[in-house]
Protein backbone atom coordinates (compact mmCIF):
# COMPACT_ATOMS: atom_id res chain seq x y z
CA MET A 1 -5.47 23.39 -1.63
CA ILE A 2 -3.42 23.11 -4.76
CA GLU A 3 -4.92 23.46 -8.25
CA VAL A 4 -3.02 22.63 -11.34
CA HIS A 5 -4.46 24.05 -14.65
CA GLU A 6 -3.29 23.17 -17.88
CA LEU A 7 0.35 23.19 -16.78
CA THR A 8 3.09 22.77 -19.54
CA LYS A 9 6.97 23.06 -19.45
CA ARG A 10 8.92 22.89 -22.49
CA TYR A 11 12.74 22.79 -22.69
CA GLY A 12 13.28 23.41 -26.46
CA ASP A 13 11.71 20.62 -28.36
CA THR A 14 11.20 18.42 -25.05
CA VAL A 15 7.87 18.45 -23.24
CA ALA A 16 8.57 17.89 -19.88
CA VAL A 17 5.07 18.53 -18.67
CA ASP A 18 2.01 18.51 -20.90
CA ARG A 19 -1.26 20.39 -20.32
CA LEU A 20 -1.39 18.76 -16.77
CA SER A 21 -4.68 19.58 -14.76
CA PHE A 22 -5.55 18.01 -11.12
CA GLN A 23 -6.53 19.33 -7.77
CA VAL A 24 -4.78 17.82 -4.76
CA PRO A 25 -7.42 17.09 -1.95
CA GLN A 26 -7.24 18.24 1.73
CA GLY A 27 -7.37 15.91 4.61
CA VAL A 28 -5.47 12.70 2.97
CA VAL A 29 -2.08 11.98 1.95
CA THR A 30 -1.76 12.17 -2.00
CA GLY A 31 0.99 10.07 -3.73
CA PHE A 32 2.37 11.55 -6.79
CA LEU A 33 3.69 8.71 -8.89
CA GLY A 34 5.19 8.37 -12.25
CA PRO A 35 8.20 6.54 -14.01
CA ASN A 36 11.50 8.46 -14.10
CA GLY A 37 11.40 11.26 -16.59
CA ALA A 38 7.74 11.63 -16.27
CA GLY A 39 7.84 15.30 -14.96
CA LYS A 40 6.98 14.76 -11.42
CA SER A 41 10.07 16.81 -10.10
CA THR A 42 9.45 19.62 -12.72
CA THR A 43 5.68 19.88 -11.70
CA MET A 44 6.65 20.40 -8.10
CA ARG A 45 9.16 22.82 -8.81
CA MET A 46 6.76 24.78 -10.65
CA MET A 47 4.25 24.76 -7.90
CA LEU A 48 6.84 26.68 -5.81
CA ASP A 49 7.81 29.01 -8.57
CA LEU A 50 11.25 27.71 -8.88
CA ASP A 51 10.56 26.92 -12.71
CA ARG A 52 8.37 29.03 -14.67
CA PRO A 53 5.87 27.32 -16.58
CA THR A 54 5.59 27.63 -20.55
CA SER A 55 1.77 28.05 -20.11
CA GLY A 56 -0.69 27.12 -17.69
CA SER A 57 -0.87 27.74 -13.86
CA VAL A 58 -0.68 26.57 -10.39
CA SER A 59 -2.69 28.05 -7.40
CA ILE A 60 -2.27 27.51 -3.86
CA ASP A 61 -5.20 28.71 -1.78
CA GLY A 62 -6.21 30.76 -4.87
CA LYS A 63 -2.80 32.58 -5.30
CA GLN A 64 0.44 31.78 -7.23
CA TYR A 65 3.42 31.18 -4.96
CA ARG A 66 4.90 34.58 -5.94
CA GLN A 67 2.00 36.21 -4.77
CA LEU A 68 2.13 34.93 -1.08
CA ASN A 69 3.45 37.04 1.63
CA GLU A 70 5.55 34.80 4.04
CA PRO A 71 5.11 31.69 1.91
CA LEU A 72 6.45 29.27 4.42
CA LYS A 73 3.20 30.15 6.53
CA TYR A 74 1.20 28.69 3.52
CA ILE A 75 3.21 25.73 2.15
CA GLY A 76 6.06 23.69 3.35
CA ALA A 77 8.17 21.83 0.84
CA LEU A 78 11.14 19.49 0.74
CA LEU A 79 12.34 19.04 -2.67
CA GLU A 80 16.31 18.88 -2.09
CA ALA A 81 17.35 18.01 1.17
CA LYS A 82 21.12 18.89 0.64
CA ALA A 83 19.78 22.28 -0.61
CA VAL A 84 21.49 23.86 2.69
CA HIS A 85 24.68 25.67 2.87
CA PRO A 86 27.03 23.17 4.27
CA GLY A 87 28.94 25.64 6.63
CA ARG A 88 25.51 26.59 8.32
CA THR A 89 24.46 24.97 11.35
CA ALA A 90 21.03 23.17 11.36
CA ARG A 91 19.63 25.80 13.82
CA ASN A 92 21.04 28.78 12.04
CA HIS A 93 19.50 27.52 8.71
CA LEU A 94 16.20 27.50 10.25
CA LEU A 95 16.66 30.59 12.13
CA TRP A 96 17.15 32.65 8.95
CA LEU A 97 14.17 30.98 7.41
CA ALA A 98 12.09 31.84 10.38
CA GLN A 99 13.44 35.34 10.34
CA SER A 100 12.75 35.83 6.43
CA ASN A 101 8.99 34.72 7.09
CA ARG A 102 8.45 36.45 10.56
CA ILE A 103 8.14 33.20 12.24
CA PRO A 104 8.93 33.05 15.93
CA VAL A 105 12.12 31.86 17.04
CA SER A 106 10.62 29.58 19.44
CA ARG A 107 9.28 27.69 16.54
CA VAL A 108 12.92 26.54 15.40
CA ASN A 109 13.43 24.52 18.69
CA GLU A 110 10.03 22.96 18.21
CA VAL A 111 10.72 21.71 14.92
CA LEU A 112 14.16 20.66 15.72
CA ASP A 113 12.66 18.48 18.61
CA LEU A 114 9.99 17.36 16.12
CA VAL A 115 12.53 15.73 13.73
CA GLY A 116 14.98 14.61 16.26
CA LEU A 117 17.70 16.90 15.56
CA ARG A 118 17.91 18.94 18.55
CA GLU A 119 21.23 17.35 19.87
CA VAL A 120 23.11 18.08 16.63
CA ALA A 121 21.20 21.33 16.00
CA SER A 122 24.75 23.17 16.41
CA ARG A 123 26.59 20.98 13.97
CA ARG A 124 27.32 22.07 10.32
CA SER A 125 24.94 20.78 7.82
CA GLY A 126 27.61 19.71 5.43
CA GLY A 127 28.89 16.81 7.96
CA PHE A 128 25.46 15.42 8.01
CA SER A 129 24.12 11.97 6.64
CA LEU A 130 21.51 11.79 3.93
CA GLY A 131 19.04 10.81 6.66
CA MET A 132 19.88 13.86 8.92
CA GLY A 133 19.72 15.98 5.79
CA GLN A 134 16.30 14.59 5.13
CA ARG A 135 14.99 15.38 8.58
CA LEU A 136 16.46 18.95 8.40
CA GLY A 137 14.60 19.52 5.27
CA ILE A 138 11.53 18.25 6.88
CA ALA A 139 11.88 20.76 9.71
CA ALA A 140 12.40 23.48 7.37
CA ALA A 141 9.16 22.45 5.60
CA MET A 142 7.33 22.57 8.77
CA LEU A 143 8.74 25.60 10.23
CA GLY A 144 5.85 27.92 9.24
CA ASP A 145 3.36 25.41 10.47
CA PRO A 146 1.63 25.50 7.17
CA ARG A 147 -1.64 23.87 5.77
CA ILE A 148 0.00 22.52 2.71
CA MET A 149 2.95 20.29 2.60
CA LEU A 150 5.04 18.99 -0.46
CA PHE A 151 7.50 16.22 -0.13
CA ASP A 152 9.96 14.67 -2.80
CA GLU A 153 11.26 11.30 -1.78
CA PRO A 154 10.86 12.15 1.94
CA VAL A 155 12.27 8.73 3.27
CA ASN A 156 15.41 8.80 1.02
CA GLY A 157 18.32 7.84 3.07
CA LEU A 158 16.07 7.03 6.22
CA ASP A 159 16.39 3.86 8.47
CA PRO A 160 13.34 1.81 9.33
CA GLU A 161 12.67 3.73 12.22
CA GLY A 162 12.94 7.02 10.43
CA ILE A 163 10.97 5.76 7.58
CA LEU A 164 8.27 4.75 9.89
CA TRP A 165 8.41 8.05 11.76
CA VAL A 166 7.74 10.03 8.27
CA ARG A 167 4.93 7.74 7.24
CA THR A 168 3.45 8.56 10.70
CA LEU A 169 4.20 12.08 10.54
CA MET A 170 2.54 12.66 6.93
CA LYS A 171 -0.68 10.84 7.93
CA SER A 172 -1.10 13.01 11.20
CA LEU A 173 -0.67 15.99 9.06
CA ALA A 174 -3.49 14.80 6.85
CA GLN A 175 -5.70 13.95 9.81
CA GLU A 176 -5.22 17.67 10.80
CA GLY A 177 -6.94 18.55 7.55
CA ARG A 178 -3.75 19.70 5.77
CA THR A 179 -2.83 18.91 2.13
CA VAL A 180 0.00 16.56 1.93
CA PHE A 181 1.32 15.94 -1.42
CA VAL A 182 4.14 13.24 -1.59
CA SER A 183 6.44 12.27 -4.48
CA SER A 184 8.11 8.77 -4.07
CA HIS A 185 9.23 5.77 -6.15
CA LEU A 186 8.85 3.36 -3.13
CA MET A 187 5.63 1.66 -4.12
CA SER A 188 5.60 -0.25 -0.98
CA GLU A 189 5.81 2.80 1.06
CA MET A 190 3.03 4.73 -0.73
CA ALA A 191 0.75 1.73 -0.79
CA LEU A 192 1.20 2.22 3.45
CA THR A 193 0.85 6.28 3.41
CA ALA A 194 -1.27 7.52 0.63
CA HIS A 195 -5.02 7.55 0.37
CA HIS A 196 -5.23 9.39 -2.84
CA LEU A 197 -2.96 9.09 -6.06
CA VAL A 198 -2.01 11.32 -9.02
CA VAL A 199 -0.22 9.53 -11.60
CA ILE A 200 1.59 11.04 -14.61
CA GLY A 201 3.56 9.66 -17.68
CA ARG A 202 5.53 11.58 -20.13
CA GLY A 203 4.20 14.70 -18.50
CA ARG A 204 0.41 13.70 -18.93
CA LEU A 205 -2.04 12.99 -16.31
CA LEU A 206 -2.85 9.07 -16.18
CA ALA A 207 -4.85 8.76 -13.26
CA ASN A 208 -6.33 10.82 -10.05
CA LEU A 209 -8.35 8.70 -7.98
CA SER A 210 -8.30 6.87 -4.54
CA MET A 211 -5.71 4.31 -3.86
CA ASN A 212 -8.30 1.45 -3.85
CA ASP A 213 -9.90 2.47 -7.12
CA PHE A 214 -6.25 2.72 -8.79
CA ILE A 215 -5.17 -0.89 -7.73
CA SER A 216 -8.66 -2.45 -8.68
CA GLN A 217 -8.85 -0.59 -12.14
CA ASN A 218 -5.24 -1.56 -13.15
CA SER A 219 -4.72 -5.10 -11.74
CA HIS A 220 -5.79 -8.60 -11.77
CA SER A 221 -7.40 -9.76 -8.37
CA PHE A 222 -8.74 -13.14 -7.69
CA VAL A 223 -9.63 -15.68 -5.17
CA ARG A 224 -7.03 -18.59 -4.66
CA ILE A 225 -8.29 -22.08 -3.39
CA ARG A 226 -6.75 -25.31 -2.57
CA THR A 227 -8.65 -28.56 -1.87
CA PRO A 228 -7.91 -32.16 -1.68
CA GLN A 229 -11.17 -32.84 -3.51
CA PRO A 230 -10.53 -30.98 -6.71
CA GLU A 231 -12.92 -32.71 -8.90
CA ALA A 232 -15.73 -32.34 -6.44
CA LEU A 233 -14.75 -28.76 -5.97
CA LEU A 234 -14.76 -28.18 -9.74
CA ASP A 235 -18.13 -29.70 -10.17
CA ALA A 236 -19.73 -27.51 -7.45
CA LEU A 237 -18.16 -24.35 -8.95
CA ALA A 238 -19.25 -25.26 -12.48
CA GLY A 239 -22.79 -26.06 -11.28
CA ALA A 240 -22.88 -22.70 -9.53
CA GLY A 241 -21.87 -20.82 -12.69
CA ILE A 242 -18.31 -20.11 -11.27
CA SER A 243 -15.32 -20.52 -13.71
CA SER A 244 -12.00 -21.43 -12.41
CA THR A 245 -8.50 -21.70 -13.74
CA PRO A 246 -6.03 -24.62 -12.58
CA LEU A 247 -2.84 -23.31 -11.24
CA SER A 248 0.68 -25.05 -11.34
CA ASP A 249 0.79 -26.07 -7.70
CA GLY A 250 -2.60 -27.80 -7.70
CA GLY A 251 -4.69 -24.93 -6.54
CA PHE A 252 -7.28 -22.98 -8.59
CA GLU A 253 -7.85 -19.39 -9.33
CA ILE A 254 -11.28 -17.99 -9.52
CA VAL A 255 -11.19 -14.30 -11.12
CA ASP A 256 -13.53 -11.82 -9.42
CA GLY A 257 -14.94 -14.44 -7.11
CA ASP A 258 -16.45 -13.84 -3.80
CA PRO A 259 -14.35 -15.64 -1.10
CA ALA A 260 -17.52 -16.03 1.39
CA ALA A 261 -19.75 -17.40 -1.56
CA VAL A 262 -17.06 -20.12 -2.39
CA GLY A 263 -16.65 -21.06 1.04
CA ASP A 264 -20.29 -21.29 1.63
CA LEU A 265 -20.54 -23.50 -1.43
CA ALA A 266 -17.73 -25.81 -0.34
CA ARG A 267 -19.29 -26.22 3.07
CA ASP A 268 -22.59 -27.15 1.60
CA ARG A 269 -21.12 -29.70 -0.52
CA GLY A 270 -19.02 -31.25 2.39
CA ILE A 271 -15.56 -30.11 0.56
CA ALA A 272 -12.51 -29.70 2.60
CA LEU A 273 -10.69 -26.50 1.69
CA HIS A 274 -7.02 -26.18 2.69
CA GLU A 275 -6.79 -22.56 1.34
CA LEU A 276 -9.27 -19.97 0.56
CA SER A 277 -7.54 -16.47 0.08
CA PRO A 278 -8.39 -13.55 -1.80
CA GLN A 279 -5.24 -12.20 -3.89
CA ARG A 280 -5.14 -8.51 -4.41
CA ALA A 281 -2.60 -6.88 -6.49
CA SER A 282 0.11 -4.67 -4.96
CA LEU A 283 0.44 -1.08 -5.97
CA GLU A 284 3.41 -1.79 -7.74
CA GLU A 285 1.82 -4.25 -10.10
CA ALA A 286 -1.14 -1.76 -10.70
CA PHE A 287 1.45 1.07 -11.34
CA MET A 288 3.46 -0.97 -13.82
CA GLN A 289 0.26 -1.88 -15.50
CA MET A 290 -0.79 1.73 -15.67
CA THR A 291 2.62 3.24 -16.88
CA ALA A 292 3.87 0.30 -19.27
CA ASP A 293 3.29 2.69 -22.34
CA SER A 294 4.89 5.63 -20.37
CA VAL A 295 8.37 4.39 -19.43
CA GLU A 296 11.10 6.51 -20.91
CA TYR A 297 13.93 3.74 -20.72
CA ARG A 298 13.41 -0.05 -21.16
CA THR A 299 15.92 -2.99 -20.68
CA GLY A 300 16.50 -5.23 -23.58
CA ALA A 301 14.61 -8.12 -21.76
CA GLU A 302 11.47 -5.89 -21.23
CA GLN A 303 11.46 -4.82 -25.11
CA LYS A 304 11.80 -8.57 -25.98
CA LYS A 305 8.85 -9.31 -23.91
CA GLU A 306 6.51 -6.93 -26.23
CA HIS A 307 7.74 -8.93 -29.27
């Protein structure tokens, strides 16, 4: 398990991470979200002791990273896919990592097969595409078969097939009971992958809750309905104490309505329905709502909307 306690990082007068505290649960994929400049990468670097915190601490299974013997057996990470010597082959890159952590050499071929790089294992990594570099980074993270995994933008540069593969991999790792912590700016992908969310803005914790709770608490959900008998429907809704709002296309919006109750009401009154659909906001909409005050840079159009 990863535990972050009152973590703070200052660069001169700039506070990149501000008294950040949270735990990353086991057995689910946890998405780590925040606007650009929120402090996500800095936080992940401090988890791996690549940056020293100004104050606070991070523990991995009760220890700091620097206290771990053979750390690749405890935690695997993909932070910089291209952080590989360009003249080193994929196999040799993994071999030296394995030898430095007393990992069996046989594991190198296993992870090369796992990420689909076996056929190019003898090629120098400097000639790899961005997607191939991502796969090599994931292979390195998996090398020690760790119980904790950190991924920063793991699908960057991958084609649709590769994105699906990473999504499936992360879910399967979590189902095995591992801790999987993933930072990504792709909201649509996080919506399909993550079960839990940690959201930060300007270095501070904004939310630490399940995906469903995050969306429901930070978005507008409603039931959309269309009928060729609008007056009869409005009368029926009003009689049942259900308020509705007309839409520009002739439909109606019922906030916090129960689709089944609305459908039963229309049936009982003999009212035909052409549409009855619950509308749930996307993760992106909920994220924009939550982080509206934490965005570092805004366009002129966005600024005008506030005035």
